[in-house]
Each structure stands twice: as structure tokens, then as C-alpha cells.
PDB file of N, CA and C in Angstrom:
ATOM      1  N   MET A   1      88.552  58.556 -89.794  1.00  0.00           N
ATOM      2  CA  MET A   1      89.031  59.292 -88.657  1.00  0.00           C
ATOM      3  C   MET A   1      88.605  58.558 -87.383  1.00  0.00           C
ATOM      4  N   LYS A   2      89.538  58.357 -86.482  1.00  0.00           N
ATOM      5  CA  LYS A   2      89.257  57.638 -85.245  1.00  0.00           C
ATOM      6  C   LYS A   2      88.536  58.556 -84.263  1.00  0.00           C
ATOM      7  N   GLU A   3      87.496  57.998 -83.616  1.00  0.00           N
ATOM      8  CA  GLU A   3      86.751  58.771 -82.626  1.00  0.00           C
ATOM      9  C   GLU A   3      87.637  59.015 -81.407  1.00  0.00           C
ATOM     10  N   LYS A   4      87.593  60.250 -80.902  1.00  0.00           N
ATOM     11  CA  LYS A   4      88.370  60.600 -79.719  1.00  0.00           C
ATOM     12  C   LYS A   4      87.882  59.773 -78.536  1.00  0.00           C
ATOM     13  N   GLU A   5      88.834  59.270 -77.751  1.00  0.00           N
ATOM     14  CA  GLU A   5      88.474  58.470 -76.594  1.00  0.00           C
ATOM     15  C   GLU A   5      87.745  59.340 -75.568  1.00  0.00           C
ATOM     16  N   ARG A   6      86.628  58.846 -75.093  1.00  0.00           N
ATOM     17  CA  ARG A   6      85.819  59.593 -74.136  1.00  0.00           C
ATOM     18  C   ARG A   6      86.163  59.186 -72.717  1.00  0.00           C
ATOM     19  N   GLU A   7      85.971  60.135 -71.812  1.00  0.00           N
ATOM     20  CA  GLU A   7      86.161  59.821 -70.402  1.00  0.00           C
ATOM     21  C   GLU A   7      85.032  58.896 -69.968  1.00  0.00           C
ATOM     22  N   THR A   8      85.356  57.936 -69.130  1.00  0.00           N
ATOM     23  CA  THR A   8      84.326  57.036 -68.605  1.00  0.00           C
ATOM     24  C   THR A   8      84.147  57.288 -67.119  1.00  0.00           C
ATOM     25  N   VAL A   9      82.985  56.910 -66.641  1.00  0.00           N
ATOM     26  CA  VAL A   9      82.657  57.102 -65.237  1.00  0.00           C
ATOM     27  C   VAL A   9      81.856  55.899 -64.765  1.00  0.00           C
ATOM     28  N   LYS A  10      82.105  55.489 -63.516  1.00  0.00           N
ATOM     29  CA  LYS A  10      81.325  54.403 -62.931  1.00  0.00           C
ATOM     30  C   LYS A  10      80.118  55.018 -62.237  1.00  0.00           C
ATOM     31  N   ILE A  11      78.942  54.530 -62.613  1.00  0.00           N
ATOM     32  CA  ILE A  11      77.691  55.013 -62.030  1.00  0.00           C
ATOM     33  C   ILE A  11      77.005  53.839 -61.340  1.00  0.00           C
ATOM     34  N   TYR A  12      76.580  54.087 -60.108  1.00  0.00           N
ATOM     35  CA  TYR A  12      75.944  53.065 -59.282  1.00  0.00           C
ATOM     36  C   TYR A  12      74.437  53.296 -59.226  1.00  0.00           C
ATOM     37  N   LEU A  13      73.700  52.211 -59.221  1.00  0.00           N
ATOM     38  CA  LEU A  13      72.268  52.274 -58.941  1.00  0.00           C
ATOM     39  C   LEU A  13      72.112  51.882 -57.475  1.00  0.00           C
ATOM     40  N   ASN A  14      71.835  52.876 -56.636  1.00  0.00           N
ATOM     41  CA  ASN A  14      71.669  52.653 -55.205  1.00  0.00           C
ATOM     42  C   ASN A  14      70.192  52.417 -54.895  1.00  0.00           C
ATOM     43  N   THR A  15      69.939  51.446 -54.030  1.00  0.00           N
ATOM     44  CA  THR A  15      68.579  51.124 -53.618  1.00  0.00           C
ATOM     45  C   THR A  15      68.493  51.237 -52.105  1.00  0.00           C
ATOM     46  N   CYS A  16      67.637  52.121 -51.635  1.00  0.00           N
ATOM     47  CA  CYS A  16      67.375  52.270 -50.203  1.00  0.00           C
ATOM     48  C   CYS A  16      66.125  51.448 -49.890  1.00  0.00           C
ATOM     49  N   THR A  17      66.291  50.401 -49.091  1.00  0.00           N
ATOM     50  CA  THR A  17      65.181  49.492 -48.800  1.00  0.00           C
ATOM     51  C   THR A  17      64.441  49.838 -47.509  1.00  0.00           C
ATOM     52  N   GLU A  18      65.126  50.493 -46.575  1.00  0.00           N
ATOM     53  CA  GLU A  18      64.502  50.894 -45.321  1.00  0.00           C
ATOM     54  C   GLU A  18      65.032  52.273 -44.945  1.00  0.00           C
ATOM     55  N   ALA A  19      64.140  53.144 -44.521  1.00  0.00           N
ATOM     56  CA  ALA A  19      64.526  54.478 -44.081  1.00  0.00           C
ATOM     57  C   ALA A  19      63.483  55.008 -43.107  1.00  0.00           C
ATOM     58  N   VAL A  20      63.861  56.006 -42.354  1.00  0.00           N
ATOM     59  CA  VAL A  20      62.946  56.616 -41.390  1.00  0.00           C
ATOM     60  C   VAL A  20      61.728  57.183 -42.111  1.00  0.00           C
ATOM     61  N   HIS A  21      61.956  57.855 -43.238  1.00  0.00           N
ATOM     62  CA  HIS A  21      60.874  58.453 -44.013  1.00  0.00           C
ATOM     63  C   HIS A  21      60.669  57.665 -45.304  1.00  0.00           C
ATOM     64  N   MET A  22      59.439  57.401 -45.646  1.00  0.00           N
ATOM     65  CA  MET A  22      59.114  56.629 -46.843  1.00  0.00           C
ATOM     66  C   MET A  22      59.696  57.254 -48.117  1.00  0.00           C
ATOM     67  N   TYR A  23      59.703  58.588 -48.206  1.00  0.00           N
ATOM     68  CA  TYR A  23      60.178  59.240 -49.426  1.00  0.00           C
ATOM     69  C   TYR A  23      61.675  59.024 -49.655  1.00  0.00           C
ATOM     70  N   GLU A  24      62.409  58.576 -48.649  1.00  0.00           N
ATOM     71  CA  GLU A  24      63.840  58.308 -48.808  1.00  0.00           C
ATOM     72  C   GLU A  24      64.092  56.927 -49.409  1.00  0.00           C
ATOM     73  N   GLN A  25      63.070  56.087 -49.451  1.00  0.00           N
ATOM     74  CA  GLN A  25      63.234  54.744 -49.995  1.00  0.00           C
ATOM     75  C   GLN A  25      63.119  54.775 -51.514  1.00  0.00           C
ATOM     76  N   GLY A  26      63.773  53.830 -52.163  1.00  0.00           N
ATOM     77  CA  GLY A  26      63.691  53.724 -53.615  1.00  0.00           C
ATOM     78  C   GLY A  26      65.066  53.631 -54.242  1.00  0.00           C
ATOM     79  N   GLU A  27      65.098  53.845 -55.555  1.00  0.00           N
ATOM     80  CA  GLU A  27      66.330  53.716 -56.322  1.00  0.00           C
ATOM     81  C   GLU A  27      66.763  55.056 -56.895  1.00  0.00           C
ATOM     82  N   GLY A  28      68.064  55.195 -57.072  1.00  0.00           N
ATOM     83  CA  GLY A  28      68.603  56.389 -57.700  1.00  0.00           C
ATOM     84  C   GLY A  28      70.031  56.164 -58.137  1.00  0.00           C
ATOM     85  N   TYR A  29      70.436  56.851 -59.200  1.00  0.00           N
ATOM     86  CA  TYR A  29      71.801  56.731 -59.701  1.00  0.00           C
ATOM     87  C   TYR A  29      72.725  57.687 -58.974  1.00  0.00           C
ATOM     88  N   SER A  30      73.976  57.266 -58.801  1.00  0.00           N
ATOM     89  CA  SER A  30      74.953  58.066 -58.075  1.00  0.00           C
ATOM     90  C   SER A  30      76.370  57.740 -58.554  1.00  0.00           C
ATOM     91  N   LEU A  31      77.273  58.697 -58.369  1.00  0.00           N
ATOM     92  CA  LEU A  31      78.695  58.446 -58.627  1.00  0.00           C
ATOM     93  C   LEU A  31      79.347  57.738 -57.445  1.00  0.00           C
ATOM     94  N   LEU A  32      78.611  57.597 -56.358  1.00  0.00           N
ATOM     95  CA  LEU A  32      79.127  56.929 -55.163  1.00  0.00           C
ATOM     96  C   LEU A  32      78.324  55.662 -54.892  1.00  0.00           C
ATOM     97  N   PRO A  33      78.996  54.603 -54.433  1.00  0.00           N
ATOM     98  CA  PRO A  33      78.259  53.391 -54.069  1.00  0.00           C
ATOM     99  C   PRO A  33      77.472  53.614 -52.779  1.00  0.00           C
ATOM    100  N   TRP A  34      76.593  52.664 -52.465  1.00  0.00           N
ATOM    101  CA  TRP A  34      75.838  52.737 -51.209  1.00  0.00           C
ATOM    102  C   TRP A  34      76.852  52.853 -50.076  1.00  0.00           C
ATOM    103  N   GLY A  35      76.625  53.780 -49.170  1.00  0.00           N
ATOM    104  CA  GLY A  35      77.597  54.068 -48.124  1.00  0.00           C
ATOM    105  C   GLY A  35      77.573  53.130 -46.932  1.00  0.00           C
ATOM    106  N   GLY A  36      76.721  52.155 -46.943  1.00  0.00           N
ATOM    107  CA  GLY A  36      76.627  51.218 -45.828  1.00  0.00           C
ATOM    108  C   GLY A  36      75.380  51.480 -45.003  1.00  0.00           C
ATOM    109  N   ASP A  37      74.891  50.443 -44.390  1.00  0.00           N
ATOM    110  CA  ASP A  37      73.687  50.553 -43.577  1.00  0.00           C
ATOM    111  C   ASP A  37      73.977  51.318 -42.284  1.00  0.00           C
ATOM    112  N   THR A  38      72.972  52.032 -41.819  1.00  0.00           N
ATOM    113  CA  THR A  38      73.059  52.763 -40.558  1.00  0.00           C
ATOM    114  C   THR A  38      71.800  52.474 -39.743  1.00  0.00           C
ATOM    115  N   ARG A  39      71.707  53.097 -38.586  1.00  0.00           N
ATOM    116  CA  ARG A  39      70.480  52.968 -37.786  1.00  0.00           C
ATOM    117  C   ARG A  39      69.292  53.565 -38.533  1.00  0.00           C
ATOM    118  N   MET A  40      69.578  54.535 -39.403  1.00  0.00           N
ATOM    119  CA  MET A  40      68.519  55.294 -40.069  1.00  0.00           C
ATOM    120  C   MET A  40      68.111  54.723 -41.433  1.00  0.00           C
ATOM    121  N   SER A  41      69.000  53.949 -42.089  1.00  0.00           N
ATOM    122  CA  SER A  41      68.665  53.449 -43.427  1.00  0.00           C
ATOM    123  C   SER A  41      69.438  52.181 -43.764  1.00  0.00           C
ATOM    124  N   LYS A  42      68.836  51.399 -44.661  1.00  0.00           N
ATOM    125  CA  LYS A  42      69.459  50.167 -45.157  1.00  0.00           C
ATOM    126  C   LYS A  42      69.279  50.120 -46.654  1.00  0.00           C
ATOM    127  N   GLY A  43      70.250  49.504 -47.325  1.00  0.00           N
ATOM    128  CA  GLY A  43      70.152  49.405 -48.762  1.00  0.00           C
ATOM    129  C   GLY A  43      71.353  48.712 -49.362  1.00  0.00           C
ATOM    130  N   TYR A  44      71.528  48.909 -50.661  1.00  0.00           N
ATOM    131  CA  TYR A  44      72.618  48.262 -51.389  1.00  0.00           C
ATOM    132  C   TYR A  44      72.810  48.980 -52.719  1.00  0.00           C
ATOM    133  N   ASP A  45      73.897  48.625 -53.417  1.00  0.00           N
ATOM    134  CA  ASP A  45      74.103  49.142 -54.770  1.00  0.00           C
ATOM    135  C   ASP A  45      74.347  47.972 -55.719  1.00  0.00           C
ATOM    136  N   ASP A  46      74.333  48.263 -56.995  1.00  0.00           N
ATOM    137  CA  ASP A  46      74.474  47.216 -58.013  1.00  0.00           C
ATOM    138  C   ASP A  46      75.924  46.917 -58.392  1.00  0.00           C
ATOM    139  N   GLY A  47      76.890  47.518 -57.727  1.00  0.00           N
ATOM    140  CA  GLY A  47      78.298  47.301 -58.062  1.00  0.00           C
ATOM    141  C   GLY A  47      78.820  48.301 -59.079  1.00  0.00           C
ATOM    142  N   GLY A  48      77.930  49.048 -59.694  1.00  0.00           N
ATOM    143  CA  GLY A  48      78.326  50.083 -60.653  1.00  0.00           C
ATOM    144  C   GLY A  48      78.596  49.546 -62.039  1.00  0.00           C
ATOM    145  N   MET A  49      78.388  50.419 -63.028  1.00  0.00           N
ATOM    146  CA  MET A  49      78.678  50.103 -64.425  1.00  0.00           C
ATOM    147  C   MET A  49      79.394  51.301 -65.029  1.00  0.00           C
ATOM    148  N   ASP A  50      80.276  51.036 -65.976  1.00  0.00           N
ATOM    149  CA  ASP A  50      81.017  52.110 -66.631  1.00  0.00           C
ATOM    150  C   ASP A  50      80.223  52.675 -67.798  1.00  0.00           C
ATOM    151  N   TYR A  51      80.175  54.008 -67.853  1.00  0.00           N
ATOM    152  CA  TYR A  51      79.485  54.714 -68.921  1.00  0.00           C
ATOM    153  C   TYR A  51      80.427  55.717 -69.556  1.00  0.00           C
ATOM    154  N   ALA A  52      80.289  55.901 -70.870  1.00  0.00           N
ATOM    155  CA  ALA A  52      81.078  56.887 -71.604  1.00  0.00           C
ATOM    156  C   ALA A  52      80.398  58.247 -71.482  1.00  0.00           C
ATOM    157  N   LEU A  53      81.163  59.259 -71.107  1.00  0.00           N
ATOM    158  CA  LEU A  53      80.617  60.607 -71.035  1.00  0.00           C
ATOM    159  C   LEU A  53      80.612  61.239 -72.419  1.00  0.00           C
ATOM    160  N   PRO A  54      79.685  62.125 -72.686  1.00  0.00           N
ATOM    161  CA  PRO A  54      79.689  62.839 -73.967  1.00  0.00           C
ATOM    162  C   PRO A  54      80.981  63.662 -74.098  1.00  0.00           C
ATOM    163  N   PRO A  55      81.395  63.969 -75.324  1.00  0.00           N
ATOM    164  CA  PRO A  55      82.606  64.767 -75.512  1.00  0.00           C
ATOM    165  C   PRO A  55      82.525  66.090 -74.749  1.00  0.00           C
ATOM    166  N   GLY A  56      83.607  66.440 -74.081  1.00  0.00           N
ATOM    167  CA  GLY A  56      83.674  67.692 -73.340  1.00  0.00           C
ATOM    168  C   GLY A  56      83.218  67.596 -71.898  1.00  0.00           C
ATOM    169  N   TYR A  57      82.601  66.491 -71.511  1.00  0.00           N
ATOM    170  CA  TYR A  57      82.142  66.307 -70.135  1.00  0.00           C
ATOM    171  C   TYR A  57      83.256  65.643 -69.326  1.00  0.00           C
ATOM    172  N   VAL A  58      83.409  66.059 -68.079  1.00  0.00           N
ATOM    173  CA  VAL A  58      84.465  65.521 -67.224  1.00  0.00           C
ATOM    174  C   VAL A  58      83.917  65.248 -65.828  1.00  0.00           C
ATOM    175  N   VAL A  59      84.637  64.399 -65.111  1.00  0.00           N
ATOM    176  CA  VAL A  59      84.321  64.137 -63.708  1.00  0.00           C
ATOM    177  C   VAL A  59      85.270  64.984 -62.868  1.00  0.00           C
ATOM    178  N   GLY A  60      84.724  65.662 -61.884  1.00  0.00           N
ATOM    179  CA  GLY A  60      85.525  66.475 -60.982  1.00  0.00           C
ATOM    180  C   GLY A  60      84.910  66.437 -59.597  1.00  0.00           C
ATOM    181  N   GLU A  61      85.506  67.194 -58.690  1.00  0.00           N
ATOM    182  CA  GLU A  61      84.996  67.242 -57.326  1.00  0.00           C
ATOM    183  C   GLU A  61      84.396  68.605 -57.034  1.00  0.00           C
ATOM    184  N   SER A  62      83.382  68.591 -56.188  1.00  0.00           N
ATOM    185  CA  SER A  62      82.780  69.840 -55.720  1.00  0.00           C
ATOM    186  C   SER A  62      83.641  70.405 -54.591  1.00  0.00           C
ATOM    187  N   ARG A  63      83.276  71.555 -54.114  1.00  0.00           N
ATOM    188  CA  ARG A  63      84.002  72.134 -52.972  1.00  0.00           C
ATOM    189  C   ARG A  63      83.903  71.240 -51.745  1.00  0.00           C
ATOM    190  N   GLY A  64      82.834  70.472 -51.666  1.00  0.00           N
ATOM    191  CA  GLY A  64      82.650  69.537 -50.559  1.00  0.00           C
ATOM    192  C   GLY A  64      83.334  68.201 -50.793  1.00  0.00           C
ATOM    193  N   HIS A  65      84.164  68.111 -51.832  1.00  0.00           N
ATOM    194  CA  HIS A  65      84.939  66.912 -52.174  1.00  0.00           C
ATOM    195  C   HIS A  65      84.065  65.732 -52.574  1.00  0.00           C
ATOM    196  N   ARG A  66      82.914  66.015 -53.151  1.00  0.00           N
ATOM    197  CA  ARG A  66      82.052  64.959 -53.682  1.00  0.00           C
ATOM    198  C   ARG A  66      82.189  64.961 -55.200  1.00  0.00           C
ATOM    199  N   PRO A  67      82.164  63.786 -55.821  1.00  0.00           N
ATOM    200  CA  PRO A  67      82.321  63.750 -57.278  1.00  0.00           C
ATOM    201  C   PRO A  67      81.080  64.269 -58.001  1.00  0.00           C
ATOM    202  N   TYR A  68      81.315  64.984 -59.081  1.00  0.00           N
ATOM    203  CA  TYR A  68      80.256  65.501 -59.940  1.00  0.00           C
ATOM    204  C   TYR A  68      80.690  65.352 -61.383  1.00  0.00           C
ATOM    205  N   ILE A  69      79.714  65.346 -62.280  1.00  0.00           N
ATOM    206  CA  ILE A  69      79.988  65.401 -63.713  1.00  0.00           C
ATOM    207  C   ILE A  69      79.742  66.837 -64.149  1.00  0.00           C
ATOM    208  N   TYR A  70      80.708  67.395 -64.881  1.00  0.00           N
ATOM    209  CA  TYR A  70      80.616  68.776 -65.342  1.00  0.00           C
ATOM    210  C   TYR A  70      80.492  68.818 -66.856  1.00  0.00           C
ATOM    211  N   ASP A  71      79.637  69.724 -67.350  1.00  0.00           N
ATOM    212  CA  ASP A  71      79.451  69.875 -68.791  1.00  0.00           C
ATOM    213  C   ASP A  71      80.593  70.712 -69.377  1.00  0.00           C
ATOM    214  N   PRO A  72      80.635  70.879 -70.700  1.00  0.00           N
ATOM    215  CA  PRO A  72      81.731  71.642 -71.311  1.00  0.00           C
ATOM    216  C   PRO A  72      81.832  73.095 -70.825  1.00  0.00           C
ATOM    217  N   ASN A  73      80.746  73.638 -70.240  1.00  0.00           N
ATOM    218  CA  ASN A  73      80.773  75.007 -69.712  1.00  0.00           C
ATOM    219  C   ASN A  73      81.162  75.062 -68.239  1.00  0.00           C
ATOM    220  N   GLY A  74      81.509  73.907 -67.656  1.00  0.00           N
ATOM    221  CA  GLY A  74      81.930  73.870 -66.265  1.00  0.00           C
ATOM    222  C   GLY A  74      80.794  73.828 -65.262  1.00  0.00           C
ATOM    223  N   ARG A  75      79.583  73.585 -65.733  1.00  0.00           N
ATOM    224  CA  ARG A  75      78.422  73.504 -64.834  1.00  0.00           C
ATOM    225  C   ARG A  75      78.159  72.046 -64.461  1.00  0.00           C
ATOM    226  N   SER A  76      77.814  71.825 -63.200  1.00  0.00           N
ATOM    227  CA  SER A  76      77.568  70.452 -62.754  1.00  0.00           C
ATOM    228  C   SER A  76      76.252  69.928 -63.312  1.00  0.00           C
ATOM    229  N   CYS A  77      76.218  68.627 -63.508  1.00  0.00           N
ATOM    230  CA  CYS A  77      75.026  67.937 -64.018  1.00  0.00           C
ATOM    231  C   CYS A  77      74.496  66.998 -62.950  1.00  0.00           C
ATOM    232  N   GLU A  78      73.193  66.842 -62.923  1.00  0.00           N
ATOM    233  CA  GLU A  78      72.557  65.845 -62.066  1.00  0.00           C
ATOM    234  C   GLU A  78      72.491  64.532 -62.840  1.00  0.00           C
ATOM    235  N   ILE A  79      72.399  63.426 -62.109  1.00  0.00           N
ATOM    236  CA  ILE A  79      72.205  62.128 -62.752  1.00  0.00           C
ATOM    237  C   ILE A  79      70.761  61.726 -62.483  1.00  0.00           C
ATOM    238  N   GLY A  80      70.018  61.498 -63.546  1.00  0.00           N
ATOM    239  CA  GLY A  80      68.627  61.102 -63.426  1.00  0.00           C
ATOM    240  C   GLY A  80      68.409  59.733 -64.035  1.00  0.00           C
ATOM    241  N   ARG A  81      67.146  59.381 -64.173  1.00  0.00           N
ATOM    242  CA  ARG A  81      66.769  58.083 -64.736  1.00  0.00           C
ATOM    243  C   ARG A  81      65.865  58.305 -65.939  1.00  0.00           C
ATOM    244  N   ASP A  82      66.246  57.706 -67.065  1.00  0.00           N
ATOM    245  CA  ASP A  82      65.449  57.808 -68.281  1.00  0.00           C
ATOM    246  C   ASP A  82      64.134  57.074 -68.068  1.00  0.00           C
ATOM    247  N   PRO A  83      63.005  57.743 -68.258  1.00  0.00           N
ATOM    248  CA  PRO A  83      61.714  57.089 -68.011  1.00  0.00           C
ATOM    249  C   PRO A  83      61.407  55.953 -68.975  1.00  0.00           C
ATOM    250  N   THR A  84      62.051  55.947 -70.126  1.00  0.00           N
ATOM    251  CA  THR A  84      61.803  54.888 -71.113  1.00  0.00           C
ATOM    252  C   THR A  84      62.718  53.692 -70.908  1.00  0.00           C
ATOM    253  N   THR A  85      64.044  53.942 -70.833  1.00  0.00           N
ATOM    254  CA  THR A  85      65.013  52.838 -70.738  1.00  0.00           C
ATOM    255  C   THR A  85      65.368  52.474 -69.310  1.00  0.00           C
ATOM    256  N   GLN A  86      65.049  53.364 -68.367  1.00  0.00           N
ATOM    257  CA  GLN A  86      65.408  53.213 -66.955  1.00  0.00           C
ATOM    258  C   GLN A  86      66.911  53.351 -66.709  1.00  0.00           C
ATOM    259  N   GLY A  87      67.676  53.697 -67.749  1.00  0.00           N
ATOM    260  CA  GLY A  87      69.113  53.894 -67.613  1.00  0.00           C
ATOM    261  C   GLY A  87      69.433  55.301 -67.126  1.00  0.00           C
ATOM    262  N   PRO A  88      70.708  55.544 -66.784  1.00  0.00           N
ATOM    263  CA  PRO A  88      71.082  56.866 -66.295  1.00  0.00           C
ATOM    264  C   PRO A  88      71.133  57.911 -67.407  1.00  0.00           C
ATOM    265  N   ILE A  89      70.774  59.139 -67.048  1.00  0.00           N
ATOM    266  CA  ILE A  89      70.880  60.272 -67.964  1.00  0.00           C
ATOM    267  C   ILE A  89      71.531  61.426 -67.214  1.00  0.00           C
ATOM    268  N   LEU A  90      72.182  62.303 -67.965  1.00  0.00           N
ATOM    269  CA  LEU A  90      72.713  63.539 -67.390  1.00  0.00           C
ATOM    270  C   LEU A  90      71.677  64.621 -67.588  1.00  0.00           C
ATOM    271  N   ILE A  91      71.449  65.411 -66.569  1.00  0.00           N
ATOM    272  CA  ILE A  91      70.521  66.528 -66.666  1.00  0.00           C
ATOM    273  C   ILE A  91      71.328  67.805 -66.460  1.00  0.00           C
ATOM    274  N   ARG A  92      71.431  68.584 -67.530  1.00  0.00           N
ATOM    275  CA  ARG A  92      72.198  69.825 -67.487  1.00  0.00           C
ATOM    276  C   ARG A  92      71.411  70.904 -66.746  1.00  0.00           C
ATOM    277  N   SER A  93      72.096  71.979 -66.381  1.00  0.00           N
ATOM    278  CA  SER A  93      71.451  73.089 -65.681  1.00  0.00           C
ATOM    279  C   SER A  93      70.383  73.745 -66.551  1.00  0.00           C
ATOM    280  N   THR A  94      70.466  73.541 -67.874  1.00  0.00           N
ATOM    281  CA  THR A  94      69.465  74.077 -68.803  1.00  0.00           C
ATOM    282  C   THR A  94      68.208  73.222 -68.845  1.00  0.00           C
ATOM    283  N   GLY A  95      68.254  72.041 -68.210  1.00  0.00           N
ATOM    284  CA  GLY A  95      67.131  71.113 -68.244  1.00  0.00           C
ATOM    285  C   GLY A  95      67.268  70.055 -69.331  1.00  0.00           C
ATOM    286  N   GLU A  96      68.253  70.226 -70.208  1.00  0.00           N
ATOM    287  CA  GLU A  96      68.486  69.249 -71.277  1.00  0.00           C
ATOM    288  C   GLU A  96      68.915  67.913 -70.670  1.00  0.00           C
ATOM    289  N   ALA A  97      68.342  66.822 -71.152  1.00  0.00           N
ATOM    290  CA  ALA A  97      68.689  65.478 -70.704  1.00  0.00           C
ATOM    291  C   ALA A  97      69.516  64.780 -71.772  1.00  0.00           C
ATOM    292  N   ILE A  98      70.602  64.152 -71.357  1.00  0.00           N
ATOM    293  CA  ILE A  98      71.503  63.470 -72.282  1.00  0.00           C
ATOM    294  C   ILE A  98      71.638  62.020 -71.835  1.00  0.00           C
ATOM    295  N   ALA A  99      71.252  61.099 -72.707  1.00  0.00           N
ATOM    296  CA  ALA A  99      71.359  59.674 -72.381  1.00  0.00           C
ATOM    297  C   ALA A  99      72.824  59.258 -72.365  1.00  0.00           C
ATOM    298  N   LEU A 100      73.153  58.366 -71.455  1.00  0.00           N
ATOM    299  CA  LEU A 100      74.504  57.820 -71.375  1.00  0.00           C
ATOM    300  C   LEU A 100      74.499  56.411 -71.941  1.00  0.00           C
ATOM    301  N   ARG A 101      75.602  56.023 -72.531  1.00  0.00           N
ATOM    302  CA  ARG A 101      75.697  54.650 -73.026  1.00  0.00           C
ATOM    303  C   ARG A 101      76.834  53.941 -72.301  1.00  0.00           C
ATOM    304  N   GLN A 102      76.626  52.645 -72.127  1.00  0.00           N
ATOM    305  CA  GLN A 102      77.643  51.860 -71.444  1.00  0.00           C
ATOM    306  C   GLN A 102      78.936  51.901 -72.227  1.00  0.00           C
ATOM    307  N   SER A 103      80.027  51.966 -71.478  1.00  0.00           N
ATOM    308  CA  SER A 103      81.349  51.971 -72.081  1.00  0.00           C
ATOM    309  C   SER A 103      81.654  50.559 -72.570  1.00  0.00           C
ATOM    310  N   ARG A 104      82.275  50.470 -73.711  1.00  0.00           N
ATOM    311  CA  ARG A 104      82.664  49.156 -74.222  1.00  0.00           C
ATOM    312  C   ARG A 104      83.921  48.695 -73.494  1.00  0.00           C
ATOM    313  N   PRO A 105      83.955  47.425 -73.114  1.00  0.00           N
ATOM    314  CA  PRO A 105      85.164  46.931 -72.459  1.00  0.00           C
ATOM    315  C   PRO A 105      86.343  47.001 -73.428  1.00  0.00           C
ATOM    316  N   GLN A 106      87.491  47.377 -72.908  1.00  0.00           N
ATOM    317  CA  GLN A 106      88.693  47.452 -73.732  1.00  0.00           C
ATOM    318  C   GLN A 106      89.226  46.041 -73.970  1.00  0.00           C
ATOM    319  N   PRO A 107      89.706  45.759 -75.200  1.00  0.00           N
ATOM    320  CA  PRO A 107      90.250  44.433 -75.456  1.00  0.00           C
ATOM    321  C   PRO A 107      91.499  44.189 -74.608  1.00  0.00           C
ATOM    322  N   ARG A 108      91.623  42.970 -74.162  1.00  0.00           N
ATOM    323  CA  ARG A 108      92.796  42.605 -73.355  1.00  0.00           C
ATOM    324  C   ARG A 108      94.001  42.411 -74.256  1.00  0.00           C
ATOM    325  N   THR A 109      95.128  42.885 -73.794  1.00  0.00           N
ATOM    326  CA  THR A 109      96.369  42.668 -74.536  1.00  0.00           C
ATOM    327  C   THR A 109      97.206  41.631 -73.800  1.00  0.00           C
ATOM    328  N   PRO A 110      97.765  40.692 -74.552  1.00  0.00           N
ATOM    329  CA  PRO A 110      98.537  39.626 -73.892  1.00  0.00           C
ATOM    330  C   PRO A 110      99.802  40.126 -73.265  1.00  0.00           C
TER     331      PRO A 110
END
């Protein structure tokens, strides 16, 4: 039986190198790339990588038109960092953490 194709999402590792407050500096995963340097902060992103979402999870927009990942129950998930692998994880509203795996590149067709 063929595995159902999963939705993929591009996740960026954003790094804030300079900010007004020290606690704003550091790295974090996001569905959005670094928004550009401002007077208040400087940084960059890694260009993003594609990850396969678990079955039933989808990407949608919040009321504020920002992208979010939603679980099968329609609840938004946070994107965190796995303390062991340093890769992105989904954190459900229940506190459950789900590791994400990189999406395999699709073979090119001539």
C-alpha cells in the first residue's frame, strides 16, 4: 500500500544577531523568513528547508493572516527546537512534541 502524500512546509531557522534587548537575540524556527534588518534588530535566515507534516496536519492562516500549522483537531501548533537533534518540532496545545522530518526531494521528470 502506498503511503499517502503528506503536506510539506518550508521552515526557516531565523537568527537575530543584534537587538535592543538581549533576550530577543538568538535562533528560532518560523514559517516566515527573516523580515529584514531594522533600526531595532539585525539578523538572517537559513533559506528554509522543506519538512513533511504528520498526517492530518495542515498549514493555514490565522485571523491576523500569519501562517500557522494546525493539528487534526484544528488547533494551532507552535514550532520549537528539539533539544537533542536541534531540528524543528511541533508542539501541540496538549504539550505533546512531534519531531518533523525533512521532505524528500521529488524525482525530476524529463
